[in-house]
Each structure stands twice: as C-alpha cells, then as structure tokens.
PDB file of N, CA and C in Angstrom:
ATOM      1  N   MET A   1       2.571  -5.822 -16.065  1.00  0.00           N
ATOM      2  CA  MET A   1       1.265  -5.141 -15.777  1.00  0.00           C
ATOM      3  C   MET A   1       1.436  -5.143 -14.098  1.00  0.00           C
ATOM      4  N   LYS A   2       1.193  -3.622 -13.508  1.00  0.00           N
ATOM      5  CA  LYS A   2       0.970  -3.588 -12.258  1.00  0.00           C
ATOM      6  C   LYS A   2      -0.146  -3.914 -11.782  1.00  0.00           C
ATOM      7  N   TYR A   3      -0.297  -4.494 -10.702  1.00  0.00           N
ATOM      8  CA  TYR A   3      -1.247  -5.285 -10.322  1.00  0.00           C
ATOM      9  C   TYR A   3      -1.678  -4.383  -8.794  1.00  0.00           C
ATOM     10  N   VAL A   4      -0.780  -4.247  -8.374  1.00  0.00           N
ATOM     11  CA  VAL A   4      -0.909  -3.657  -6.848  1.00  0.00           C
ATOM     12  C   VAL A   4      -0.273  -2.396  -6.438  1.00  0.00           C
ATOM     13  N   SER A   5      -0.996  -1.232  -6.087  1.00  0.00           N
ATOM     14  CA  SER A   5      -0.043   0.031  -5.849  1.00  0.00           C
ATOM     15  C   SER A   5      -0.587   0.450  -4.279  1.00  0.00           C
ATOM     16  N   PHE A   6      -0.053   1.693  -3.900  1.00  0.00           N
ATOM     17  CA  PHE A   6      -0.185   2.170  -2.631  1.00  0.00           C
ATOM     18  C   PHE A   6      -0.788   3.586  -3.000  1.00  0.00           C
ATOM     19  N   LYS A   7      -2.091   4.026  -2.451  1.00  0.00           N
ATOM     20  CA  LYS A   7      -2.260   5.219  -3.521  1.00  0.00           C
ATOM     21  C   LYS A   7      -2.878   6.307  -2.001  1.00  0.00           C
ATOM     22  N   LEU A   8      -2.658   7.387  -2.234  1.00  0.00           N
ATOM     23  CA  LEU A   8      -3.328   8.419  -1.634  1.00  0.00           C
ATOM     24  C   LEU A   8      -4.404   8.957  -2.282  1.00  0.00           C
ATOM     25  N   TRP A   9      -5.815   9.019  -1.642  1.00  0.00           N
ATOM     26  CA  TRP A   9      -6.785   9.536  -2.557  1.00  0.00           C
ATOM     27  C   TRP A   9      -7.034  10.759  -1.718  1.00  0.00           C
ATOM     28  N   THR A  10      -6.947  11.611  -2.595  1.00  0.00           N
ATOM     29  CA  THR A  10      -7.399  13.032  -1.901  1.00  0.00           C
ATOM     30  C   THR A  10      -8.873  13.538  -2.097  1.00  0.00           C
ATOM     31  N   THR A  11      -9.516  13.186  -1.695  1.00  0.00           N
ATOM     32  CA  THR A  11     -10.783  13.619  -1.820  1.00  0.00           C
ATOM     33  C   THR A  11     -11.567  13.849  -0.269  1.00  0.00           C
ATOM     34  N   GLU A  12     -12.548  14.741  -0.269  1.00  0.00           N
ATOM     35  CA  GLU A  12     -12.868  14.974   1.221  1.00  0.00           C
ATOM     36  C   GLU A  12     -13.679  13.748   2.048  1.00  0.00           C
ATOM     37  N   LYS A  13     -14.221  13.014   1.107  1.00  0.00           N
ATOM     38  CA  LYS A  13     -14.422  11.223   1.640  1.00  0.00           C
ATOM     39  C   LYS A  13     -13.271  10.672   2.538  1.00  0.00           C
ATOM     40  N   TYR A  14     -12.157  10.802   1.927  1.00  0.00           N
ATOM     41  CA  TYR A  14     -10.911   9.967   2.555  1.00  0.00           C
ATOM     42  C   TYR A  14     -10.208  11.058   3.455  1.00  0.00           C
ATOM     43  N   LEU A  15     -10.827  12.142   3.916  1.00  0.00           N
ATOM     44  CA  LEU A  15      -9.799  12.949   4.838  1.00  0.00           C
ATOM     45  C   LEU A  15     -10.444  12.811   6.119  1.00  0.00           C
ATOM     46  N   TYR A  16      -9.248  12.836   7.021  1.00  0.00           N
ATOM     47  CA  TYR A  16      -9.273  12.521   8.237  1.00  0.00           C
ATOM     48  C   TYR A  16      -8.684  13.505   9.018  1.00  0.00           C
ATOM     49  N   LYS A  17      -8.473  13.655  10.597  1.00  0.00           N
ATOM     50  CA  LYS A  17      -7.640  14.448  11.156  1.00  0.00           C
ATOM     51  C   LYS A  17      -6.017  14.227  11.292  1.00  0.00           C
ATOM     52  N   ASP A  18      -5.967  13.274  10.574  1.00  0.00           N
ATOM     53  CA  ASP A  18      -4.326  12.910  10.260  1.00  0.00           C
ATOM     54  C   ASP A  18      -4.058  12.879   8.934  1.00  0.00           C
ATOM     55  N   GLY A  19      -5.060  13.253   8.285  1.00  0.00           N
ATOM     56  CA  GLY A  19      -4.663  13.490   6.590  1.00  0.00           C
ATOM     57  C   GLY A  19      -5.604  12.593   5.895  1.00  0.00           C
ATOM     58  N   TYR A  20      -5.207  12.300   4.730  1.00  0.00           N
ATOM     59  CA  TYR A  20      -6.127  11.518   3.922  1.00  0.00           C
ATOM     60  C   TYR A  20      -5.205  10.168   4.043  1.00  0.00           C
ATOM     61  N   ALA A  21      -6.237   9.151   3.723  1.00  0.00           N
ATOM     62  CA  ALA A  21      -6.333   7.882   3.586  1.00  0.00           C
ATOM     63  C   ALA A  21      -5.360   7.369   2.498  1.00  0.00           C
ATOM     64  N   ILE A  22      -4.641   6.471   3.112  1.00  0.00           N
ATOM     65  CA  ILE A  22      -3.545   5.565   2.077  1.00  0.00           C
ATOM     66  C   ILE A  22      -4.058   4.089   1.904  1.00  0.00           C
ATOM     67  N   TRP A  23      -4.265   3.776   0.791  1.00  0.00           N
ATOM     68  CA  TRP A  23      -5.005   2.646   0.434  1.00  0.00           C
ATOM     69  C   TRP A  23      -3.721   1.539  -0.259  1.00  0.00           C
ATOM     70  N   LEU A  24      -4.133   0.576  -0.218  1.00  0.00           N
ATOM     71  CA  LEU A  24      -3.908  -0.205  -0.933  1.00  0.00           C
ATOM     72  C   LEU A  24      -4.785  -1.122  -1.971  1.00  0.00           C
ATOM     73  N   VAL A  25      -4.376  -0.887  -3.076  1.00  0.00           N
ATOM     74  CA  VAL A  25      -5.303  -1.112  -4.513  1.00  0.00           C
ATOM     75  C   VAL A  25      -4.534  -1.970  -5.233  1.00  0.00           C
ATOM     76  N   VAL A  26      -5.300  -2.721  -5.482  1.00  0.00           N
ATOM     77  CA  VAL A  26      -5.245  -4.491  -6.232  1.00  0.00           C
ATOM     78  C   VAL A  26      -6.140  -4.234  -7.157  1.00  0.00           C
ATOM     79  N   ARG A  27      -5.653  -4.667  -8.701  1.00  0.00           N
ATOM     80  CA  ARG A  27      -6.335  -4.500 -10.140  1.00  0.00           C
ATOM     81  C   ARG A  27      -6.036  -5.799 -10.551  1.00  0.00           C
ATOM     82  N   LYS A  28      -6.959  -6.573 -11.355  1.00  0.00           N
ATOM     83  CA  LYS A  28      -6.718  -7.298 -12.223  1.00  0.00           C
ATOM     84  C   LYS A  28      -8.292  -7.427 -13.004  1.00  0.00           C
ATOM     85  N   GLU A  29      -7.912  -7.692 -14.197  1.00  0.00           N
ATOM     86  CA  GLU A  29      -8.878  -7.973 -15.494  1.00  0.00           C
ATOM     87  C   GLU A  29      -9.998  -6.971 -14.901  1.00  0.00           C
ATOM     88  N   GLY A  30      -9.544  -5.423 -15.510  1.00  0.00           N
ATOM     89  CA  GLY A  30     -10.725  -4.723 -15.220  1.00  0.00           C
ATOM     90  C   GLY A  30     -11.171  -4.658 -13.698  1.00  0.00           C
ATOM     91  N   LYS A  31     -10.947  -5.470 -12.747  1.00  0.00           N
ATOM     92  CA  LYS A  31     -11.475  -5.004 -11.955  1.00  0.00           C
ATOM     93  C   LYS A  31     -10.689  -4.574 -10.731  1.00  0.00           C
ATOM     94  N   ARG A  32     -10.982  -3.929  -9.394  1.00  0.00           N
ATOM     95  CA  ARG A  32     -10.455  -3.006  -8.871  1.00  0.00           C
ATOM     96  C   ARG A  32     -10.891  -3.171  -7.349  1.00  0.00           C
ATOM     97  N   LYS A  33      -9.758  -3.447  -6.132  1.00  0.00           N
ATOM     98  CA  LYS A  33     -10.227  -3.494  -4.827  1.00  0.00           C
ATOM     99  C   LYS A  33      -9.460  -2.906  -4.299  1.00  0.00           C
ATOM    100  N   ALA A  34      -9.770  -1.627  -3.092  1.00  0.00           N
ATOM    101  CA  ALA A  34      -9.160  -1.166  -2.199  1.00  0.00           C
ATOM    102  C   ALA A  34      -9.121  -1.309  -0.962  1.00  0.00           C
ATOM    103  N   PHE A  35      -8.224  -1.514  -0.211  1.00  0.00           N
ATOM    104  CA  PHE A  35      -7.912  -1.816   1.111  1.00  0.00           C
ATOM    105  C   PHE A  35      -7.152  -1.019   2.069  1.00  0.00           C
ATOM    106  N   SER A  36      -7.796  -0.591   3.121  1.00  0.00           N
ATOM    107  CA  SER A  36      -7.494   0.570   3.852  1.00  0.00           C
ATOM    108  C   SER A  36      -5.923  -0.113   4.676  1.00  0.00           C
ATOM    109  N   VAL A  37      -5.023   0.696   4.685  1.00  0.00           N
ATOM    110  CA  VAL A  37      -4.020   0.299   5.518  1.00  0.00           C
ATOM    111  C   VAL A  37      -3.419   0.952   6.980  1.00  0.00           C
ATOM    112  N   GLY A  38      -4.769   1.682   7.407  1.00  0.00           N
ATOM    113  CA  GLY A  38      -4.601   2.452   8.748  1.00  0.00           C
ATOM    114  C   GLY A  38      -3.277   3.747   8.586  1.00  0.00           C
ATOM    115  N   LEU A  39      -2.759   4.143   7.290  1.00  0.00           N
ATOM    116  CA  LEU A  39      -2.054   4.889   7.477  1.00  0.00           C
ATOM    117  C   LEU A  39      -2.692   6.645   6.857  1.00  0.00           C
ATOM    118  N   TYR A  40      -2.031   7.358   7.031  1.00  0.00           N
ATOM    119  CA  TYR A  40      -2.903   8.965   6.667  1.00  0.00           C
ATOM    120  C   TYR A  40      -1.428   9.711   6.575  1.00  0.00           C
ATOM    121  N   ALA A  41      -1.929  10.458   5.283  1.00  0.00           N
ATOM    122  CA  ALA A  41      -0.701  11.576   4.888  1.00  0.00           C
ATOM    123  C   ALA A  41      -1.479  12.936   4.369  1.00  0.00           C
ATOM    124  N   TYR A  42      -0.721  14.151   4.661  1.00  0.00           N
ATOM    125  CA  TYR A  42      -1.062  14.891   3.628  1.00  0.00           C
ATOM    126  C   TYR A  42      -0.435  14.800   2.130  1.00  0.00           C
ATOM    127  N   PRO A  43      -0.938  15.688   1.393  1.00  0.00           N
ATOM    128  CA  PRO A  43      -0.554  15.283  -0.235  1.00  0.00           C
ATOM    129  C   PRO A  43       0.820  15.430  -0.286  1.00  0.00           C
ATOM    130  N   HIS A  44       1.381  16.831   0.509  1.00  0.00           N
ATOM    131  CA  HIS A  44       3.043  16.757   0.502  1.00  0.00           C
ATOM    132  C   HIS A  44       3.815  15.956   1.106  1.00  0.00           C
ATOM    133  N   GLN A  45       3.237  15.198   1.894  1.00  0.00           N
ATOM    134  CA  GLN A  45       3.605  14.380   2.700  1.00  0.00           C
ATOM    135  C   GLN A  45       4.102  12.745   1.817  1.00  0.00           C
ATOM    136  N   TRP A  46       3.477  12.526   1.036  1.00  0.00           N
ATOM    137  CA  TRP A  46       3.321  11.456   0.073  1.00  0.00           C
ATOM    138  C   TRP A  46       3.998  11.822  -0.959  1.00  0.00           C
ATOM    139  N   ASP A  47       4.857  10.628  -1.665  1.00  0.00           N
ATOM    140  CA  ASP A  47       5.269  10.602  -3.150  1.00  0.00           C
ATOM    141  C   ASP A  47       4.683   9.537  -3.879  1.00  0.00           C
ATOM    142  N   GLU A  48       3.401   9.881  -5.067  1.00  0.00           N
ATOM    143  CA  GLU A  48       2.889   9.113  -5.622  1.00  0.00           C
ATOM    144  C   GLU A  48       3.983   8.235  -6.680  1.00  0.00           C
ATOM    145  N   ASN A  49       4.961   8.494  -7.108  1.00  0.00           N
ATOM    146  CA  ASN A  49       6.087   7.799  -7.849  1.00  0.00           C
ATOM    147  C   ASN A  49       6.634   6.857  -6.932  1.00  0.00           C
ATOM    148  N   THR A  50       6.965   7.022  -6.013  1.00  0.00           N
ATOM    149  CA  THR A  50       7.734   5.911  -4.954  1.00  0.00           C
ATOM    150  C   THR A  50       6.698   5.000  -4.216  1.00  0.00           C
ATOM    151  N   GLU A  51       5.498   5.701  -4.399  1.00  0.00           N
ATOM    152  CA  GLU A  51       4.364   5.298  -3.182  1.00  0.00           C
ATOM    153  C   GLU A  51       4.946   5.021  -1.860  1.00  0.00           C
ATOM    154  N   LEU A  52       5.638   6.111  -1.510  1.00  0.00           N
ATOM    155  CA  LEU A  52       6.395   6.119  -0.277  1.00  0.00           C
ATOM    156  C   LEU A  52       6.275   7.703   0.792  1.00  0.00           C
ATOM    157  N   PHE A  53       6.396   8.001   1.779  1.00  0.00           N
ATOM    158  CA  PHE A  53       6.067   9.030   2.411  1.00  0.00           C
ATOM    159  C   PHE A  53       7.659   9.957   2.158  1.00  0.00           C
ATOM    160  N   VAL A  54       7.460  11.178   1.848  1.00  0.00           N
ATOM    161  CA  VAL A  54       8.492  11.828   1.388  1.00  0.00           C
ATOM    162  C   VAL A  54       9.567  12.068   2.513  1.00  0.00           C
ATOM    163  N   THR A  55      10.599  12.194   1.990  1.00  0.00           N
ATOM    164  CA  THR A  55      11.912  12.090   3.030  1.00  0.00           C
ATOM    165  C   THR A  55      12.850  13.277   3.040  1.00  0.00           C
ATOM    166  N   ASP A  56      12.531  14.102   1.980  1.00  0.00           N
ATOM    167  CA  ASP A  56      13.603  15.558   1.865  1.00  0.00           C
ATOM    168  C   ASP A  56      13.139  16.342   2.750  1.00  0.00           C
ATOM    169  N   LYS A  57      14.415  16.754   3.236  1.00  0.00           N
ATOM    170  CA  LYS A  57      14.155  17.342   4.495  1.00  0.00           C
ATOM    171  C   LYS A  57      13.884  19.100   4.149  1.00  0.00           C
ATOM    172  N   ARG A  58      14.328  19.254   2.626  1.00  0.00           N
ATOM    173  CA  ARG A  58      13.644  20.806   2.297  1.00  0.00           C
ATOM    174  C   ARG A  58      12.079  20.848   2.394  1.00  0.00           C
ATOM    175  N   VAL A  59      11.428  20.200   2.251  1.00  0.00           N
ATOM    176  CA  VAL A  59      10.021  19.911   2.273  1.00  0.00           C
ATOM    177  C   VAL A  59       9.674  20.077   3.744  1.00  0.00           C
ATOM    178  N   SER A  60       8.959  21.564   3.832  1.00  0.00           N
ATOM    179  CA  SER A  60       8.371  21.302   5.218  1.00  0.00           C
ATOM    180  C   SER A  60       7.070  20.509   5.589  1.00  0.00           C
ATOM    181  N   GLY A  61       7.076  20.104   6.847  1.00  0.00           N
ATOM    182  CA  GLY A  61       5.936  19.457   7.524  1.00  0.00           C
ATOM    183  C   GLY A  61       5.866  18.009   6.795  1.00  0.00           C
ATOM    184  N   LEU A  62       6.967  17.546   7.069  1.00  0.00           N
ATOM    185  CA  LEU A  62       7.121  15.927   6.989  1.00  0.00           C
ATOM    186  C   LEU A  62       6.426  15.381   7.718  1.00  0.00           C
ATOM    187  N   HIS A  63       6.082  14.047   7.146  1.00  0.00           N
ATOM    188  CA  HIS A  63       4.936  13.287   8.099  1.00  0.00           C
ATOM    189  C   HIS A  63       6.182  12.574   9.635  1.00  0.00           C
ATOM    190  N   PRO A  64       5.862  12.920  10.444  1.00  0.00           N
ATOM    191  CA  PRO A  64       6.650  12.833  11.861  1.00  0.00           C
ATOM    192  C   PRO A  64       7.075  11.024  11.783  1.00  0.00           C
ATOM    193  N   ASP A  65       6.403  10.197  11.591  1.00  0.00           N
ATOM    194  CA  ASP A  65       6.567   8.864  11.619  1.00  0.00           C
ATOM    195  C   ASP A  65       7.202   8.285  10.149  1.00  0.00           C
ATOM    196  N   ARG A  66       7.679   9.042   9.122  1.00  0.00           N
ATOM    197  CA  ARG A  66       8.049   8.799   7.637  1.00  0.00           C
ATOM    198  C   ARG A  66       9.200   7.532   7.411  1.00  0.00           C
ATOM    199  N   LYS A  67      10.002   7.642   8.726  1.00  0.00           N
ATOM    200  CA  LYS A  67      10.928   6.691   8.368  1.00  0.00           C
ATOM    201  C   LYS A  67      10.553   5.083   8.447  1.00  0.00           C
ATOM    202  N   HIS A  68      10.054   5.355   9.748  1.00  0.00           N
ATOM    203  CA  HIS A  68       9.290   3.695  10.048  1.00  0.00           C
ATOM    204  C   HIS A  68       7.979   3.288   9.358  1.00  0.00           C
ATOM    205  N   LEU A  69       7.547   4.492   8.833  1.00  0.00           N
ATOM    206  CA  LEU A  69       6.247   4.124   7.871  1.00  0.00           C
ATOM    207  C   LEU A  69       6.517   3.233   6.423  1.00  0.00           C
ATOM    208  N   ASN A  70       7.925   4.040   6.246  1.00  0.00           N
ATOM    209  CA  ASN A  70       8.362   3.420   4.722  1.00  0.00           C
ATOM    210  C   ASN A  70       9.106   2.311   4.848  1.00  0.00           C
ATOM    211  N   GLU A  71       9.495   1.936   5.912  1.00  0.00           N
ATOM    212  CA  GLU A  71      10.143   0.440   6.334  1.00  0.00           C
ATOM    213  C   GLU A  71       8.983  -0.465   6.260  1.00  0.00           C
ATOM    214  N   TRP A  72       7.835   0.121   6.726  1.00  0.00           N
ATOM    215  CA  TRP A  72       6.814  -0.704   6.912  1.00  0.00           C
ATOM    216  C   TRP A  72       6.230  -1.068   5.874  1.00  0.00           C
ATOM    217  N   LEU A  73       5.962   0.272   4.786  1.00  0.00           N
ATOM    218  CA  LEU A  73       5.633  -0.191   3.441  1.00  0.00           C
ATOM    219  C   LEU A  73       6.440  -1.069   2.739  1.00  0.00           C
ATOM    220  N   THR A  74       7.867  -0.903   3.038  1.00  0.00           N
ATOM    221  CA  THR A  74       8.587  -1.688   2.109  1.00  0.00           C
ATOM    222  C   THR A  74       8.528  -3.032   2.228  1.00  0.00           C
ATOM    223  N   GLN A  75       8.445  -3.012   3.725  1.00  0.00           N
ATOM    224  CA  GLN A  75       8.086  -4.887   3.990  1.00  0.00           C
ATOM    225  C   GLN A  75       6.575  -5.338   3.503  1.00  0.00           C
ATOM    226  N   LYS A  76       5.633  -4.528   3.208  1.00  0.00           N
ATOM    227  CA  LYS A  76       4.465  -5.091   2.841  1.00  0.00           C
ATOM    228  C   LYS A  76       4.757  -5.112   1.075  1.00  0.00           C
ATOM    229  N   LYS A  77       5.649  -4.084   0.405  1.00  0.00           N
ATOM    230  CA  LYS A  77       5.723  -4.438  -0.897  1.00  0.00           C
ATOM    231  C   LYS A  77       6.388  -5.709  -1.284  1.00  0.00           C
ATOM    232  N   ALA A  78       7.349  -6.084  -0.367  1.00  0.00           N
ATOM    233  CA  ALA A  78       8.025  -6.973  -0.410  1.00  0.00           C
ATOM    234  C   ALA A  78       7.100  -8.594  -0.112  1.00  0.00           C
ATOM    235  N   GLU A  79       6.175  -8.616   0.661  1.00  0.00           N
ATOM    236  CA  GLU A  79       5.065  -9.109   0.961  1.00  0.00           C
ATOM    237  C   GLU A  79       4.506  -9.750  -0.070  1.00  0.00           C
ATOM    238  N   ILE A  80       4.086  -8.757  -0.994  1.00  0.00           N
ATOM    239  CA  ILE A  80       3.307  -8.528  -2.479  1.00  0.00           C
ATOM    240  C   ILE A  80       4.041  -9.247  -3.363  1.00  0.00           C
ATOM    241  N   ILE A  81       5.405  -8.763  -3.312  1.00  0.00           N
ATOM    242  CA  ILE A  81       6.236  -9.289  -4.695  1.00  0.00           C
ATOM    243  C   ILE A  81       6.306 -11.120  -4.599  1.00  0.00           C
ATOM    244  N   ARG A  82       6.375 -11.598  -3.167  1.00  0.00           N
ATOM    245  CA  ARG A  82       6.577 -12.881  -3.119  1.00  0.00           C
ATOM    246  C   ARG A  82       5.060 -13.518  -3.188  1.00  0.00           C
ATOM    247  N   ILE A  83       4.026 -12.949  -2.642  1.00  0.00           N
ATOM    248  CA  ILE A  83       2.875 -13.480  -3.239  1.00  0.00           C
ATOM    249  C   ILE A  83       2.440 -13.827  -4.637  1.00  0.00           C
ATOM    250  N   MET A  84       2.915 -12.649  -5.571  1.00  0.00           N
ATOM    251  CA  MET A  84       2.876 -12.348  -6.809  1.00  0.00           C
ATOM    252  C   MET A  84       3.623 -13.607  -7.524  1.00  0.00           C
ATOM    253  N   SER A  85       4.715 -14.033  -7.019  1.00  0.00           N
ATOM    254  CA  SER A  85       5.924 -14.748  -7.815  1.00  0.00           C
ATOM    255  C   SER A  85       5.322 -16.176  -7.314  1.00  0.00           C
ATOM    256  N   LYS A  86       4.589 -16.202  -6.127  1.00  0.00           N
ATOM    257  CA  LYS A  86       4.200 -17.772  -5.679  1.00  0.00           C
ATOM    258  C   LYS A  86       2.809 -17.910  -6.767  1.00  0.00           C
ATOM    259  N   PHE A  87       2.034 -17.005  -6.948  1.00  0.00           N
ATOM    260  CA  PHE A  87       1.014 -17.296  -7.698  1.00  0.00           C
ATOM    261  C   PHE A  87       1.714 -17.562  -9.455  1.00  0.00           C
ATOM    262  N   GLU A  88       2.572 -16.781  -9.809  1.00  0.00           N
ATOM    263  CA  GLU A  88       3.212 -17.104 -11.005  1.00  0.00           C
ATOM    264  C   GLU A  88       3.709 -18.136 -10.647  1.00  0.00           C
ATOM    265  N   ASP A  89       4.812 -18.718 -10.173  1.00  0.00           N
ATOM    266  CA  ASP A  89       5.406 -20.352  -9.942  1.00  0.00           C
ATOM    267  C   ASP A  89       4.638 -21.330 -10.246  1.00  0.00           C
ATOM    268  N   GLU A  90       3.099 -21.440  -9.166  1.00  0.00           N
ATOM    269  CA  GLU A  90       2.530 -22.121  -9.236  1.00  0.00           C
ATOM    270  C   GLU A  90       1.472 -22.346 -10.135  1.00  0.00           C
ATOM    271  N   LYS A  91       1.575 -21.451 -11.469  1.00  0.00           N
ATOM    272  CA  LYS A  91       0.739 -20.974 -12.426  1.00  0.00           C
ATOM    273  C   LYS A  91      -0.745 -20.589 -12.028  1.00  0.00           C
ATOM    274  N   ILE A  92      -1.033 -19.786 -10.949  1.00  0.00           N
ATOM    275  CA  ILE A  92      -2.619 -19.787 -10.342  1.00  0.00           C
ATOM    276  C   ILE A  92      -2.900 -18.591 -10.569  1.00  0.00           C
ATOM    277  N   ASP A  93      -4.059 -18.270 -11.622  1.00  0.00           N
ATOM    278  CA  ASP A  93      -4.991 -17.622 -12.067  1.00  0.00           C
ATOM    279  C   ASP A  93      -5.764 -16.852 -10.888  1.00  0.00           C
ATOM    280  N   TRP A  94      -4.998 -16.283 -10.408  1.00  0.00           N
ATOM    281  CA  TRP A  94      -5.366 -15.794  -9.205  1.00  0.00           C
ATOM    282  C   TRP A  94      -6.612 -14.752  -8.919  1.00  0.00           C
ATOM    283  N   THR A  95      -7.527 -14.523  -7.945  1.00  0.00           N
ATOM    284  CA  THR A  95      -8.585 -13.416  -8.285  1.00  0.00           C
ATOM    285  C   THR A  95      -7.997 -12.426  -7.179  1.00  0.00           C
ATOM    286  N   ILE A  96      -8.869 -11.626  -6.955  1.00  0.00           N
ATOM    287  CA  ILE A  96      -8.542 -10.395  -6.260  1.00  0.00           C
ATOM    288  C   ILE A  96      -8.716 -10.935  -4.167  1.00  0.00           C
ATOM    289  N   ASN A  97     -10.020 -11.664  -4.481  1.00  0.00           N
ATOM    290  CA  ASN A  97     -10.047 -11.993  -3.371  1.00  0.00           C
ATOM    291  C   ASN A  97      -9.216 -13.342  -2.902  1.00  0.00           C
ATOM    292  N   GLN A  98      -8.558 -13.930  -3.886  1.00  0.00           N
ATOM    293  CA  GLN A  98      -7.269 -14.831  -3.193  1.00  0.00           C
ATOM    294  C   GLN A  98      -6.193 -13.991  -2.983  1.00  0.00           C
ATOM    295  N   PHE A  99      -5.811 -12.903  -3.670  1.00  0.00           N
ATOM    296  CA  PHE A  99      -4.972 -11.966  -3.305  1.00  0.00           C
ATOM    297  C   PHE A  99      -4.888 -11.543  -1.703  1.00  0.00           C
ATOM    298  N   GLU A 100      -6.328 -11.199  -1.549  1.00  0.00           N
ATOM    299  CA  GLU A 100      -6.750 -10.711  -0.255  1.00  0.00           C
ATOM    300  C   GLU A 100      -6.637 -11.616   1.154  1.00  0.00           C
ATOM    301  N   ASP A 101      -6.802 -12.761   0.428  1.00  0.00           N
ATOM    302  CA  ASP A 101      -6.957 -13.948   1.777  1.00  0.00           C
ATOM    303  C   ASP A 101      -5.256 -14.307   2.243  1.00  0.00           C
ATOM    304  N   VAL A 102      -4.513 -14.199   0.910  1.00  0.00           N
ATOM    305  CA  VAL A 102      -3.215 -14.704   1.170  1.00  0.00           C
ATOM    306  C   VAL A 102      -2.314 -13.655   1.730  1.00  0.00           C
ATOM    307  N   PHE A 103      -2.903 -12.209   1.222  1.00  0.00           N
ATOM    308  CA  PHE A 103      -1.973 -11.033   1.863  1.00  0.00           C
ATOM    309  C   PHE A 103      -2.328 -10.918   3.155  1.00  0.00           C
ATOM    310  N   PHE A 104      -3.614 -10.780   3.590  1.00  0.00           N
ATOM    311  CA  PHE A 104      -4.269 -10.447   5.148  1.00  0.00           C
ATOM    312  C   PHE A 104      -3.735 -11.549   5.947  1.00  0.00           C
ATOM    313  N   ASN A 105      -3.239 -13.066   5.289  1.00  0.00           N
ATOM    314  CA  ASN A 105      -3.325 -14.261   6.602  1.00  0.00           C
ATOM    315  C   ASN A 105      -1.555 -13.539   6.312  1.00  0.00           C
ATOM    316  N   TYR A 106      -0.927 -13.410   5.626  1.00  0.00           N
ATOM    317  CA  TYR A 106       0.332 -13.448   5.550  1.00  0.00           C
ATOM    318  C   TYR A 106       0.840 -12.271   6.112  1.00  0.00           C
ATOM    319  N   SER A 107       0.369 -10.949   6.517  1.00  0.00           N
ATOM    320  CA  SER A 107       0.601 -10.202   6.735  1.00  0.00           C
ATOM    321  C   SER A 107       0.271 -10.398   8.722  1.00  0.00           C
ATOM    322  N   LYS A 108      -0.696 -10.862   8.614  1.00  0.00           N
ATOM    323  CA  LYS A 108      -1.107 -11.354  10.149  1.00  0.00           C
ATOM    324  C   LYS A 108       0.323 -12.375  10.947  1.00  0.00           C
ATOM    325  N   LYS A 109       0.984 -13.109   9.997  1.00  0.00           N
ATOM    326  CA  LYS A 109       1.878 -13.779  10.555  1.00  0.00           C
ATOM    327  C   LYS A 109       3.268 -13.261  10.606  1.00  0.00           C
ATOM    328  N   GLY A 110       3.154 -12.196  10.301  1.00  0.00           N
ATOM    329  CA  GLY A 110       4.625 -11.370  10.295  1.00  0.00           C
ATOM    330  C   GLY A 110       4.407 -10.563  11.079  1.00  0.00           C
ATOM    331  N   GLU A 111       3.413 -10.066  11.947  1.00  0.00           N
ATOM    332  CA  GLU A 111       3.186  -9.232  12.996  1.00  0.00           C
ATOM    333  C   GLU A 111       3.994  -9.679  14.364  1.00  0.00           C
ATOM    334  N   SER A 112       3.789 -11.011  14.319  1.00  0.00           N
ATOM    335  CA  SER A 112       4.213 -11.156  15.901  1.00  0.00           C
ATOM    336  C   SER A 112       5.574 -11.040  16.156  1.00  0.00           C
TER     337      SER A 112
END
C-alpha cells in the first residue's frame, strides 16, 4: 500500500501566482493529512504518474526550475522510504503525527 504521495491539487483554493500548490499527502487507516511543500506548478508542468515536474522539452511552458526541483523531490522520496523502512524494521505501528515528526525533523537535519 502506498502511504505517501506528492499531489498537485488543481482547485481554485490552491491557485497562487506561481501555479497550484503541490502537497505531500500521507494516508493511513482511512486517515489523511496534507502538508504544503512550498512548491507550485501548473497542470501541464506536473506529471501525476511520476509525481515530478515534466521534463519533456516537447511540452511548452515547462517549469524553469524543474531539474533542481525534481532532484529535491527525489531526495524527499528517498527520505520517506528510509523513514517507512525504519518503522517497518522496528515494527512500529506508526501514526500520521509520528511520520510528520520524523519527516520534518529529518528534513531539517538534511538542509544544513
């Protein structure tokens, strides 16, 4: 089961000057929580399948920072995999709040 994903929600509520907000969505046991990651894109700039910015140069209007942002998103996905693996290895029946605490603490350590 996939617990975590990056989503672009194309509703007017999440439309900003740089596009729609991209969210980190965590799900477990029928519960869901979304966290803003501070990234924005328009629908033609976002690939829902790969959960990354479109890089196909045949598409017009690509996001100018797509390469850098895709590297950042890939790094975050790797952090998520490490966290989930640790929960599994330690047989932790984690909650969304536990994931949030570990992920955002882990991310802060990696920013320096």
